[in-house]
N, C-alpha and C. Protein backbone atom coordinates (compact mmCIF):
# COMPACT_ATOMS: atom_id res chain seq x y z
N MET A 1 -44.41 -20.30 50.15
CA MET A 1 -44.90 -19.76 51.43
C MET A 1 -46.31 -20.33 51.79
N ARG A 2 -47.11 -20.48 50.70
CA ARG A 2 -48.50 -20.99 50.89
C ARG A 2 -48.49 -22.38 51.56
N GLY A 3 -47.62 -23.29 51.06
CA GLY A 3 -47.55 -24.63 51.60
C GLY A 3 -47.11 -24.60 53.06
N SER A 4 -46.26 -23.67 53.43
CA SER A 4 -45.79 -23.53 54.82
C SER A 4 -46.93 -23.14 55.70
N GLN A 5 -47.76 -22.19 55.27
CA GLN A 5 -48.89 -21.77 56.06
C GLN A 5 -49.93 -22.87 56.21
N GLU A 6 -50.17 -23.57 55.10
CA GLU A 6 -51.15 -24.68 55.16
C GLU A 6 -50.64 -25.78 56.09
N LYS A 7 -49.33 -26.07 56.02
CA LYS A 7 -48.77 -27.09 56.93
C LYS A 7 -48.94 -26.66 58.38
N GLN A 8 -48.70 -25.40 58.70
CA GLN A 8 -48.79 -24.96 60.09
C GLN A 8 -50.26 -25.01 60.56
N GLN A 9 -51.22 -24.69 59.71
CA GLN A 9 -52.66 -24.76 60.07
C GLN A 9 -52.98 -26.23 60.36
N TYR A 10 -52.54 -27.09 59.52
CA TYR A 10 -52.80 -28.54 59.68
C TYR A 10 -52.27 -29.01 61.04
N VAL A 11 -50.98 -28.67 61.29
CA VAL A 11 -50.37 -29.07 62.54
C VAL A 11 -51.09 -28.46 63.78
N SER A 12 -51.42 -27.25 63.70
CA SER A 12 -52.13 -26.55 64.78
C SER A 12 -53.50 -27.18 65.06
N LYS A 13 -54.24 -27.52 64.00
CA LYS A 13 -55.57 -28.09 64.18
C LYS A 13 -55.50 -29.49 64.80
N ILE A 14 -54.54 -30.25 64.35
CA ILE A 14 -54.41 -31.63 64.88
C ILE A 14 -53.99 -31.57 66.39
N LEU A 15 -53.03 -30.74 66.68
CA LEU A 15 -52.51 -30.65 68.05
C LEU A 15 -53.57 -30.03 68.99
N ASP A 16 -54.32 -29.09 68.52
CA ASP A 16 -55.38 -28.51 69.33
C ASP A 16 -56.46 -29.56 69.66
N PHE A 17 -56.85 -30.34 68.68
CA PHE A 17 -57.78 -31.40 68.83
C PHE A 17 -57.29 -32.43 69.87
N TYR A 18 -56.04 -32.79 69.69
CA TYR A 18 -55.37 -33.77 70.59
C TYR A 18 -55.39 -33.27 72.04
N LEU A 19 -55.09 -32.04 72.28
CA LEU A 19 -55.05 -31.50 73.66
C LEU A 19 -56.47 -31.41 74.29
N ARG A 20 -57.49 -31.38 73.53
CA ARG A 20 -58.83 -31.31 74.04
C ARG A 20 -59.42 -32.63 74.36
N LEU A 21 -58.72 -33.70 74.03
CA LEU A 21 -59.21 -35.06 74.34
C LEU A 21 -59.08 -35.37 75.81
N PRO A 22 -59.93 -36.25 76.33
CA PRO A 22 -59.76 -36.71 77.69
C PRO A 22 -58.47 -37.52 77.82
N GLU A 23 -57.85 -37.38 78.97
CA GLU A 23 -56.67 -38.15 79.35
C GLU A 23 -55.41 -37.88 78.49
N THR A 24 -55.38 -36.74 77.86
CA THR A 24 -54.17 -36.36 77.13
C THR A 24 -53.46 -35.28 77.94
N PRO A 25 -52.17 -35.02 77.61
CA PRO A 25 -51.38 -34.06 78.39
C PRO A 25 -52.02 -32.62 78.21
N PHE A 26 -51.52 -31.72 79.03
CA PHE A 26 -52.01 -30.35 78.96
C PHE A 26 -51.26 -29.57 77.90
N ARG A 27 -50.17 -30.14 77.42
CA ARG A 27 -49.40 -29.54 76.31
C ARG A 27 -48.72 -30.65 75.47
N PHE A 28 -48.49 -30.34 74.22
CA PHE A 28 -47.92 -31.26 73.34
C PHE A 28 -46.37 -31.25 73.45
N SER A 29 -45.75 -32.31 72.99
CA SER A 29 -44.32 -32.44 73.05
C SER A 29 -43.67 -32.14 71.67
N ARG A 30 -42.43 -32.04 71.64
CA ARG A 30 -41.66 -31.81 70.39
C ARG A 30 -41.94 -33.03 69.46
N THR A 31 -41.98 -34.21 70.01
CA THR A 31 -42.23 -35.41 69.16
C THR A 31 -43.68 -35.39 68.61
N ASP A 32 -44.56 -34.87 69.35
CA ASP A 32 -45.98 -34.71 68.84
C ASP A 32 -45.98 -33.77 67.62
N VAL A 33 -45.23 -32.68 67.72
CA VAL A 33 -45.17 -31.75 66.58
C VAL A 33 -44.52 -32.42 65.40
N GLU A 34 -43.41 -33.08 65.64
CA GLU A 34 -42.70 -33.78 64.55
C GLU A 34 -43.59 -34.85 63.91
N LEU A 35 -44.31 -35.58 64.68
CA LEU A 35 -45.25 -36.62 64.08
C LEU A 35 -46.31 -35.95 63.26
N THR A 36 -46.90 -34.84 63.76
CA THR A 36 -47.93 -34.18 63.00
C THR A 36 -47.40 -33.60 61.68
N ARG A 37 -46.20 -33.08 61.69
CA ARG A 37 -45.57 -32.59 60.51
C ARG A 37 -45.36 -33.74 59.47
N GLN A 38 -44.94 -34.92 60.03
CA GLN A 38 -44.74 -36.04 59.17
C GLN A 38 -46.01 -36.54 58.58
N LEU A 39 -47.09 -36.53 59.34
CA LEU A 39 -48.41 -36.95 58.84
C LEU A 39 -48.86 -35.96 57.68
N TYR A 40 -48.55 -34.71 57.83
CA TYR A 40 -48.86 -33.74 56.76
C TYR A 40 -48.02 -34.11 55.52
N GLU A 41 -46.75 -34.36 55.69
CA GLU A 41 -45.87 -34.68 54.56
C GLU A 41 -46.40 -36.00 53.85
N ASP A 42 -46.86 -36.86 54.63
CA ASP A 42 -47.38 -38.19 54.12
C ASP A 42 -48.79 -38.03 53.55
N LYS A 43 -49.34 -36.86 53.58
CA LYS A 43 -50.64 -36.52 53.04
C LYS A 43 -51.78 -37.30 53.70
N VAL A 44 -51.64 -37.50 55.01
CA VAL A 44 -52.71 -38.15 55.79
C VAL A 44 -53.80 -37.11 56.05
N ARG A 45 -54.99 -37.40 55.75
CA ARG A 45 -56.12 -36.48 55.85
C ARG A 45 -56.35 -36.14 57.33
N GLN A 46 -56.54 -34.85 57.61
CA GLN A 46 -56.88 -34.38 58.95
C GLN A 46 -58.13 -35.11 59.51
N GLU A 47 -59.08 -35.37 58.66
CA GLU A 47 -60.32 -36.02 59.08
C GLU A 47 -60.02 -37.42 59.60
N ASP A 48 -59.11 -38.13 58.93
CA ASP A 48 -58.70 -39.51 59.37
C ASP A 48 -58.00 -39.45 60.71
N ILE A 49 -57.16 -38.47 60.90
CA ILE A 49 -56.43 -38.41 62.20
C ILE A 49 -57.45 -38.12 63.30
N GLU A 50 -58.33 -37.16 63.08
CA GLU A 50 -59.34 -36.80 64.10
C GLU A 50 -60.19 -38.03 64.37
N LEU A 51 -60.62 -38.73 63.34
CA LEU A 51 -61.50 -39.92 63.57
C LEU A 51 -60.72 -40.95 64.36
N ALA A 52 -59.45 -41.15 64.14
CA ALA A 52 -58.64 -42.08 64.93
C ALA A 52 -58.60 -41.71 66.41
N MET A 53 -58.45 -40.43 66.61
CA MET A 53 -58.46 -39.95 68.03
C MET A 53 -59.81 -40.13 68.68
N ILE A 54 -60.88 -39.87 67.88
CA ILE A 54 -62.24 -40.08 68.41
C ILE A 54 -62.47 -41.50 68.73
N LEU A 55 -62.15 -42.42 67.78
CA LEU A 55 -62.41 -43.81 68.00
C LEU A 55 -61.64 -44.35 69.17
N ALA A 56 -60.37 -44.01 69.31
CA ALA A 56 -59.50 -44.45 70.43
C ALA A 56 -60.04 -43.88 71.74
N SER A 57 -60.53 -42.66 71.76
CA SER A 57 -61.07 -42.08 72.95
C SER A 57 -62.34 -42.81 73.37
N LEU A 58 -63.17 -43.12 72.41
CA LEU A 58 -64.39 -43.92 72.73
C LEU A 58 -64.06 -45.26 73.27
N ARG A 59 -63.10 -45.91 72.69
CA ARG A 59 -62.70 -47.23 73.18
C ARG A 59 -62.18 -47.15 74.59
N ARG A 60 -61.43 -46.07 74.87
CA ARG A 60 -60.88 -45.91 76.18
C ARG A 60 -62.00 -45.57 77.22
N ALA A 61 -63.03 -44.91 76.78
CA ALA A 61 -64.11 -44.51 77.68
C ALA A 61 -64.90 -45.79 78.16
N TYR A 62 -64.85 -46.80 77.36
CA TYR A 62 -65.58 -48.04 77.67
C TYR A 62 -64.60 -49.24 77.62
N PRO A 63 -63.55 -49.25 78.44
CA PRO A 63 -62.54 -50.31 78.38
C PRO A 63 -63.12 -51.68 78.83
N LYS A 64 -62.57 -52.66 78.25
CA LYS A 64 -63.04 -54.01 78.56
C LYS A 64 -62.31 -54.63 79.74
N ASN A 65 -61.14 -54.12 80.06
CA ASN A 65 -60.31 -54.69 81.15
C ASN A 65 -59.94 -53.63 82.18
N GLY A 66 -60.87 -52.81 82.56
CA GLY A 66 -60.56 -51.79 83.57
C GLY A 66 -59.97 -50.52 83.03
N PRO A 67 -59.80 -49.56 83.92
CA PRO A 67 -59.36 -48.25 83.46
C PRO A 67 -57.93 -48.26 82.86
N LEU A 68 -57.63 -47.38 81.97
CA LEU A 68 -56.32 -47.31 81.33
C LEU A 68 -55.60 -46.06 81.83
N GLY A 69 -54.33 -46.10 81.71
CA GLY A 69 -53.48 -44.94 82.07
C GLY A 69 -53.64 -43.79 81.13
N PRO A 70 -53.08 -42.68 81.47
CA PRO A 70 -53.19 -41.44 80.59
C PRO A 70 -52.41 -41.68 79.26
N ILE A 71 -52.83 -40.91 78.31
CA ILE A 71 -52.20 -40.90 76.98
C ILE A 71 -51.01 -39.92 77.12
N ARG A 72 -49.80 -40.33 76.71
CA ARG A 72 -48.63 -39.50 76.83
C ARG A 72 -48.14 -38.88 75.60
N SER A 73 -48.59 -39.40 74.44
CA SER A 73 -48.10 -38.96 73.17
C SER A 73 -49.18 -39.13 72.08
N LEU A 74 -49.04 -38.35 71.00
CA LEU A 74 -49.88 -38.46 69.87
C LEU A 74 -49.64 -39.80 69.16
N HIS A 75 -48.48 -40.37 69.42
CA HIS A 75 -48.13 -41.69 68.84
C HIS A 75 -49.09 -42.76 69.22
N TYR A 76 -49.73 -42.59 70.40
CA TYR A 76 -50.71 -43.54 70.92
C TYR A 76 -51.78 -43.84 69.87
N PHE A 77 -52.12 -42.88 69.06
CA PHE A 77 -53.25 -43.05 68.13
C PHE A 77 -52.85 -43.67 66.76
N LEU A 78 -51.57 -43.87 66.55
CA LEU A 78 -51.13 -44.38 65.23
C LEU A 78 -51.72 -45.71 64.84
N PRO A 79 -51.82 -46.70 65.74
CA PRO A 79 -52.42 -47.95 65.35
C PRO A 79 -53.89 -47.85 64.92
N VAL A 80 -54.65 -46.95 65.59
CA VAL A 80 -56.05 -46.76 65.21
C VAL A 80 -56.09 -45.95 63.88
N LEU A 81 -55.19 -45.06 63.69
CA LEU A 81 -55.16 -44.34 62.35
C LEU A 81 -54.86 -45.34 61.22
N GLN A 82 -53.96 -46.28 61.46
CA GLN A 82 -53.67 -47.24 60.45
C GLN A 82 -54.93 -48.13 60.17
N GLU A 83 -55.61 -48.47 61.24
CA GLU A 83 -56.85 -49.23 61.07
C GLU A 83 -57.89 -48.45 60.25
N ILE A 84 -58.03 -47.16 60.54
CA ILE A 84 -59.00 -46.34 59.80
C ILE A 84 -58.63 -46.23 58.31
N ARG A 85 -57.37 -46.03 58.10
CA ARG A 85 -56.88 -45.90 56.70
C ARG A 85 -56.97 -47.20 55.93
N ARG A 86 -56.86 -48.31 56.58
CA ARG A 86 -56.92 -49.60 55.96
C ARG A 86 -58.36 -50.02 55.65
N GLU A 87 -59.25 -49.63 56.51
CA GLU A 87 -60.68 -50.03 56.38
C GLU A 87 -61.52 -48.84 56.03
N SER A 88 -62.18 -48.90 54.92
CA SER A 88 -63.04 -47.77 54.50
C SER A 88 -64.36 -47.94 55.26
N SER A 89 -64.73 -46.83 55.89
CA SER A 89 -66.00 -46.82 56.67
C SER A 89 -66.91 -45.78 56.03
N PRO A 90 -68.21 -46.09 56.02
CA PRO A 90 -69.17 -45.17 55.42
C PRO A 90 -69.30 -43.89 56.22
N ALA A 91 -69.68 -42.82 55.54
CA ALA A 91 -69.86 -41.54 56.17
C ALA A 91 -70.82 -41.62 57.34
N SER A 92 -71.83 -42.45 57.28
CA SER A 92 -72.75 -42.58 58.33
C SER A 92 -72.15 -43.09 59.64
N TYR A 93 -71.21 -44.01 59.48
CA TYR A 93 -70.52 -44.55 60.64
C TYR A 93 -69.61 -43.51 61.24
N ARG A 94 -68.91 -42.79 60.40
CA ARG A 94 -68.02 -41.70 60.86
C ARG A 94 -68.87 -40.63 61.64
N GLN A 95 -70.02 -40.30 61.11
CA GLN A 95 -70.87 -39.36 61.80
C GLN A 95 -71.40 -39.91 63.11
N TYR A 96 -71.73 -41.24 63.14
CA TYR A 96 -72.14 -41.85 64.39
C TYR A 96 -71.08 -41.72 65.47
N LEU A 97 -69.81 -42.00 65.08
CA LEU A 97 -68.68 -41.90 66.02
C LEU A 97 -68.56 -40.46 66.52
N ARG A 98 -68.66 -39.48 65.62
CA ARG A 98 -68.52 -38.09 66.05
C ARG A 98 -69.67 -37.69 66.97
N THR A 99 -70.83 -38.16 66.73
CA THR A 99 -72.02 -37.85 67.61
C THR A 99 -71.79 -38.44 68.97
N LYS A 100 -71.40 -39.71 68.99
CA LYS A 100 -71.18 -40.46 70.28
C LYS A 100 -70.06 -39.74 71.08
N PHE A 101 -69.00 -39.31 70.34
CA PHE A 101 -67.87 -38.63 70.98
C PHE A 101 -68.32 -37.27 71.60
N GLU A 102 -69.15 -36.52 70.84
CA GLU A 102 -69.66 -35.26 71.34
C GLU A 102 -70.44 -35.47 72.65
N LYS A 103 -71.27 -36.49 72.69
CA LYS A 103 -72.05 -36.83 73.87
C LYS A 103 -71.12 -37.13 75.04
N LEU A 104 -70.06 -37.94 74.77
CA LEU A 104 -69.06 -38.26 75.81
C LEU A 104 -68.40 -36.97 76.35
N MET A 105 -68.04 -36.12 75.43
CA MET A 105 -67.33 -34.88 75.85
C MET A 105 -68.30 -33.98 76.62
N ASP A 106 -69.57 -33.97 76.30
CA ASP A 106 -70.56 -33.14 77.00
C ASP A 106 -70.78 -33.72 78.46
N GLN A 107 -70.74 -35.07 78.59
CA GLN A 107 -70.84 -35.68 79.93
C GLN A 107 -69.67 -35.36 80.82
N ARG A 108 -68.51 -35.12 80.21
CA ARG A 108 -67.29 -34.90 80.94
C ARG A 108 -67.09 -33.45 81.33
N LYS A 109 -67.90 -32.56 80.83
CA LYS A 109 -67.79 -31.10 81.11
C LYS A 109 -68.21 -30.92 82.56
N ILE A 110 -67.52 -30.00 83.21
CA ILE A 110 -67.84 -29.64 84.58
C ILE A 110 -68.99 -28.65 84.50
N PRO A 111 -70.07 -28.88 85.24
CA PRO A 111 -71.23 -27.95 85.21
C PRO A 111 -70.89 -26.62 85.80
């Protein structure tokens, strides 16, 4: 039972973070839930998934070739997640990205 509760918390946290991102849907899909459960089974750290979403969101905020369309699925972030898991980045860089992301999110809030 403990593993089931832990898995549900993991899935909920990832999906909640996903829905709060700019340009993501207002609700998650069944495939988003399935992907998150698979990430849990594959023992992908929640921190890495969140960092992938942060990095992709920052890249989207400053696109090189004009505006991008909306994100339709959590699958969008998988290439960035693979990049993060492949390349070890120092804690200071991860914190820098989180700080930059928080500033971006603050700028997008409606006064």
